[in-house]
Amino acid sequence: MNKDNVGGFGTGLLVGVILGAVVGFLFAPRSGHETREQVKDKAADLFGKAKEKASEVKETVGQRFSSSAE
């Protein structure tokens, strides 16, 4: 996989996961309260994963810039 395509793939994967989760919640046979609680929990989980991934990307970019400056 080309280095230029890695970021696009990761973004597409994240968007696909989020859309899949939303569609799954909308068609799940649960009450509104249960669904809202589950959405809140999943959103918090996805937000944490997104922050972690952003931190990894930031570190990788920093390493590449520092190695190319040498």
C-alpha atoms as a PDB file:
ATOM      1  CA  MET A   1       0.000   0.000   0.000  1.00  0.00           C
ATOM      2  CA  ASN A   2       1.311   3.413  -0.939  1.00  0.00           C
ATOM      3  CA  LYS A   3       2.215   5.750   1.941  1.00  0.00           C
ATOM      4  CA  ASP A   4      -0.059   8.440   0.468  1.00  0.00           C
ATOM      5  CA  ASN A   5      -3.067   6.112   0.568  1.00  0.00           C
ATOM      6  CA  VAL A   6      -2.699   5.045   4.206  1.00  0.00           C
ATOM      7  CA  GLY A   7      -4.333   8.175   5.646  1.00  0.00           C
ATOM      8  CA  GLY A   8      -7.213   8.009   3.181  1.00  0.00           C
ATOM      9  CA  PHE A   9      -7.785   4.349   3.918  1.00  0.00           C
ATOM     10  CA  GLY A  10      -7.828   4.970   7.665  1.00  0.00           C
ATOM     11  CA  THR A  11     -10.276   7.839   7.280  1.00  0.00           C
ATOM     12  CA  GLY A  12     -12.530   5.779   5.039  1.00  0.00           C
ATOM     13  CA  LEU A  13     -12.402   2.886   7.456  1.00  0.00           C
ATOM     14  CA  LEU A  14     -13.332   5.114  10.397  1.00  0.00           C
ATOM     15  CA  VAL A  15     -16.233   6.692   8.487  1.00  0.00           C
ATOM     16  CA  GLY A  16     -17.452   3.234   7.440  1.00  0.00           C
ATOM     17  CA  VAL A  17     -17.369   1.969  11.015  1.00  0.00           C
ATOM     18  CA  ILE A  18     -19.303   4.993  12.251  1.00  0.00           C
ATOM     19  CA  LEU A  19     -21.936   4.720   9.512  1.00  0.00           C
ATOM     20  CA  GLY A  20     -22.310   0.999  10.109  1.00  0.00           C
ATOM     21  CA  ALA A  21     -22.804   1.561  13.827  1.00  0.00           C
ATOM     22  CA  VAL A  22     -25.434   4.257  13.211  1.00  0.00           C
ATOM     23  CA  VAL A  23     -27.391   2.050  10.801  1.00  0.00           C
ATOM     24  CA  GLY A  24     -27.174  -0.840  13.246  1.00  0.00           C
ATOM     25  CA  PHE A  25     -28.539   1.300  16.065  1.00  0.00           C
ATOM     26  CA  LEU A  26     -31.390   2.611  13.959  1.00  0.00           C
ATOM     27  CA  PHE A  27     -32.587  -0.871  13.058  1.00  0.00           C
ATOM     28  CA  ALA A  28     -32.003  -2.472  16.464  1.00  0.00           C
ATOM     29  CA  PRO A  29     -35.135  -3.660  18.309  1.00  0.00           C
ATOM     30  CA  ARG A  30     -34.592  -1.631  21.505  1.00  0.00           C
ATOM     31  CA  SER A  31     -36.437   1.132  23.311  1.00  0.00           C
ATOM     32  CA  GLY A  32     -35.441   4.735  22.689  1.00  0.00           C
ATOM     33  CA  HIS A  33     -33.800   5.067  26.101  1.00  0.00           C
ATOM     34  CA  GLU A  34     -31.725   1.899  25.647  1.00  0.00           C
ATOM     35  CA  THR A  35     -30.702   2.975  22.143  1.00  0.00           C
ATOM     36  CA  ARG A  36     -29.654   6.446  23.324  1.00  0.00           C
ATOM     37  CA  GLU A  37     -27.573   4.947  26.133  1.00  0.00           C
ATOM     38  CA  GLN A  38     -25.917   2.541  23.728  1.00  0.00           C
ATOM     39  CA  VAL A  39     -25.231   5.328  21.207  1.00  0.00           C
ATOM     40  CA  LYS A  40     -23.704   7.455  23.969  1.00  0.00           C
ATOM     41  CA  ASP A  41     -21.459   4.605  25.097  1.00  0.00           C
ATOM     42  CA  LYS A  42     -20.368   3.725  21.564  1.00  0.00           C
ATOM     43  CA  ALA A  43     -19.749   7.381  20.690  1.00  0.00           C
ATOM     44  CA  ALA A  44     -17.519   7.762  23.743  1.00  0.00           C
ATOM     45  CA  ASP A  45     -15.651   4.589  22.756  1.00  0.00           C
ATOM     46  CA  LEU A  46     -15.214   5.749  19.147  1.00  0.00           C
ATOM     47  CA  PHE A  47     -14.084   9.186  20.311  1.00  0.00           C
ATOM     48  CA  GLY A  48     -11.428   7.578  22.500  1.00  0.00           C
ATOM     49  CA  LYS A  49     -10.240   5.402  19.623  1.00  0.00           C
ATOM     50  CA  ALA A  50     -10.161   8.411  17.285  1.00  0.00           C
ATOM     51  CA  LYS A  51      -8.064  10.382  19.779  1.00  0.00           C
ATOM     52  CA  GLU A  52      -5.686   7.443  20.107  1.00  0.00           C
ATOM     53  CA  LYS A  53      -5.376   7.093  16.328  1.00  0.00           C
ATOM     54  CA  ALA A  54      -4.819  10.848  15.917  1.00  0.00           C
ATOM     55  CA  SER A  55      -2.041  10.666  18.487  1.00  0.00           C
ATOM     56  CA  GLU A  56      -0.421   7.778  16.598  1.00  0.00           C
ATOM     57  CA  VAL A  57      -0.646   9.661  13.296  1.00  0.00           C
ATOM     58  CA  LYS A  58       0.802  12.798  14.894  1.00  0.00           C
ATOM     59  CA  GLU A  59       3.727  10.792  16.269  1.00  0.00           C
ATOM     60  CA  THR A  60       4.347   9.086  12.917  1.00  0.00           C
ATOM     61  CA  VAL A  61       4.264  12.385  11.021  1.00  0.00           C
ATOM     62  CA  GLY A  62       6.613  13.947  13.563  1.00  0.00           C
ATOM     63  CA  GLN A  63       9.050  11.081  13.181  1.00  0.00           C
ATOM     64  CA  ARG A  64       8.982  11.307   9.406  1.00  0.00           C
ATOM     65  CA  PHE A  65       9.546  15.053   9.410  1.00  0.00           C
ATOM     66  CA  SER A  66      12.416  14.761  11.884  1.00  0.00           C
ATOM     67  CA  SER A  67      14.027  11.953   9.886  1.00  0.00           C
ATOM     68  CA  SER A  68      13.679  13.874   6.601  1.00  0.00           C
ATOM     69  CA  ALA A  69      15.226  16.993   8.186  1.00  0.00           C
ATOM     70  CA  GLU A  70      18.414  15.112   9.030  1.00  0.00           C
END
